[in-house]
C-alpha atoms as a PDB file:
ATOM      1  CA  MET A   1      21.705  22.992   9.825  1.00  0.00           C
ATOM      2  CA  HIS A   2      22.056  19.839  11.900  1.00  0.00           C
ATOM      3  CA  THR A   3      21.005  16.448  10.652  1.00  0.00           C
ATOM      4  CA  ILE A   4      19.694  13.911  13.137  1.00  0.00           C
ATOM      5  CA  ILE A   5      20.552  10.288  12.392  1.00  0.00           C
ATOM      6  CA  ALA A   6      17.733   7.797  13.012  1.00  0.00           C
ATOM      7  CA  SER A   7      17.929   4.179  11.873  1.00  0.00           C
ATOM      8  CA  GLY A   8      21.137   4.889   9.985  1.00  0.00           C
ATOM      9  CA  ARG A   9      19.436   7.498   7.779  1.00  0.00           C
ATOM     10  CA  PRO A  10      19.273  11.245   8.218  1.00  0.00           C
ATOM     11  CA  LEU A  11      15.939  12.359   9.710  1.00  0.00           C
ATOM     12  CA  GLN A  12      15.773  15.087   7.099  1.00  0.00           C
ATOM     13  CA  PHE A  13      15.561  12.400   4.388  1.00  0.00           C
ATOM     14  CA  GLU A  14      12.858  10.481   6.299  1.00  0.00           C
ATOM     15  CA  LEU A  15      10.661  13.572   6.609  1.00  0.00           C
ATOM     16  CA  TRP A  16      10.908  14.201   2.874  1.00  0.00           C
ATOM     17  CA  TRP A  17      10.400  10.565   1.874  1.00  0.00           C
ATOM     18  CA  SER A  18       7.410   9.790   4.132  1.00  0.00           C
ATOM     19  CA  PRO A  19       4.762  11.698   2.102  1.00  0.00           C
ATOM     20  CA  LEU A  20       5.981  10.103  -1.116  1.00  0.00           C
ATOM     21  CA  ARG A  21       5.713   6.656   0.434  1.00  0.00           C
ATOM     22  CA  ALA A  22       2.146   7.416   1.555  1.00  0.00           C
ATOM     23  CA  ILE A  23       1.158   8.565  -1.944  1.00  0.00           C
ATOM     24  CA  HIS A  24       2.742   5.478  -3.492  1.00  0.00           C
ATOM     25  CA  ARG A  25       0.969   3.197  -0.998  1.00  0.00           C
ATOM     26  CA  TRP A  26      -2.376   4.916  -1.762  1.00  0.00           C
ATOM     27  CA  TYR A  27      -1.796   4.506  -5.513  1.00  0.00           C
ATOM     28  CA  ARG A  28      -1.044   0.778  -5.115  1.00  0.00           C
ATOM     29  CA  GLU A  29      -4.176   0.370  -3.000  1.00  0.00           C
ATOM     30  CA  GLN A  30      -6.363   2.089  -5.627  1.00  0.00           C
ATOM     31  CA  ARG A  31      -4.826   0.060  -8.445  1.00  0.00           C
ATOM     32  CA  THR A  32      -5.313  -3.223  -6.558  1.00  0.00           C
ATOM     33  CA  ALA A  33      -8.949  -2.345  -5.747  1.00  0.00           C
ATOM     34  CA  ALA A  34      -9.607  -1.521  -9.409  1.00  0.00           C
ATOM     35  CA  ILE A  35      -8.136  -4.819 -10.582  1.00  0.00           C
ATOM     36  CA  LEU A  36     -10.115  -6.816  -8.027  1.00  0.00           C
ATOM     37  CA  GLY A  37     -13.261  -4.834  -8.829  1.00  0.00           C
ATOM     38  CA  ARG A  38     -13.072  -5.858 -12.492  1.00  0.00           C
ATOM     39  CA  MET A  39     -13.070  -9.562 -11.555  1.00  0.00           C
ATOM     40  CA  ASP A  40     -16.346 -11.474 -11.461  1.00  0.00           C
ATOM     41  CA  ASP A  41     -17.554 -13.158  -8.261  1.00  0.00           C
ATOM     42  CA  ARG A  42     -16.349 -16.589  -9.370  1.00  0.00           C
ATOM     43  CA  MET A  43     -12.806 -15.363  -9.970  1.00  0.00           C
ATOM     44  CA  LEU A  44     -12.784 -13.617  -6.600  1.00  0.00           C
ATOM     45  CA  LYS A  45     -14.022 -16.793  -4.909  1.00  0.00           C
ATOM     46  CA  ASP A  46     -11.221 -18.771  -6.579  1.00  0.00           C
ATOM     47  CA  ILE A  47      -8.636 -16.550  -4.895  1.00  0.00           C
ATOM     48  CA  GLY A  48     -10.521 -16.487  -1.593  1.00  0.00           C
ATOM     49  CA  ILE A  49     -11.856 -12.928  -1.675  1.00  0.00           C
ATOM     50  CA  ASP A  50     -15.458 -11.809  -1.230  1.00  0.00           C
ATOM     51  CA  ARG A  51     -16.574  -8.713  -3.144  1.00  0.00           C
ATOM     52  CA  SER A  52     -17.452  -6.935   0.100  1.00  0.00           C
ATOM     53  CA  THR A  53     -13.862  -7.299   1.344  1.00  0.00           C
ATOM     54  CA  ILE A  54     -12.181  -5.758  -1.727  1.00  0.00           C
ATOM     55  CA  PRO A  55     -11.269  -2.476   0.047  1.00  0.00           C
ATOM     56  CA  TYR A  56      -9.725  -4.392   2.969  1.00  0.00           C
ATOM     57  CA  GLU A  57      -7.838  -6.781   0.702  1.00  0.00           C
ATOM     58  CA  ALA A  58      -6.592  -3.924  -1.494  1.00  0.00           C
ATOM     59  CA  ARG A  59      -5.280  -2.097   1.565  1.00  0.00           C
ATOM     60  CA  ARG A  60      -3.713  -5.245   2.983  1.00  0.00           C
ATOM     61  CA  HIS A  61      -2.018  -6.263  -0.272  1.00  0.00           C
ATOM     62  CA  SER A  62      -0.856  -2.779  -1.228  1.00  0.00           C
ATOM     63  CA  ILE A  63       1.462  -2.699   1.782  1.00  0.00           C
ATOM     64  CA  GLY A  64       4.764  -4.050   0.541  1.00  0.00           C
ATOM     65  CA  PRO A  65       7.549  -5.794   2.444  1.00  0.00           C
ATOM     66  CA  GLY A  66       8.691  -3.848   5.447  1.00  0.00           C
ATOM     67  CA  GLY A  67       5.322  -2.140   5.846  1.00  0.00           C
ATOM     68  CA  CYS A  68       5.732   0.333   2.998  1.00  0.00           C
END
């Protein structure tokens, strides 16, 4: 079996790791949305978030450094 090197890592590793990264990103997004959802409107306003933008903000903040 041949291993293709892409970005200094074997492609085989990237194909295995990608679904786990997606699941982890989804979990962080859900956790962030739940935390923001428990806050009252005044607390959300203090941090500059409107209740209607919670899903967007959760998605945006669940993406860690390097886009993962």
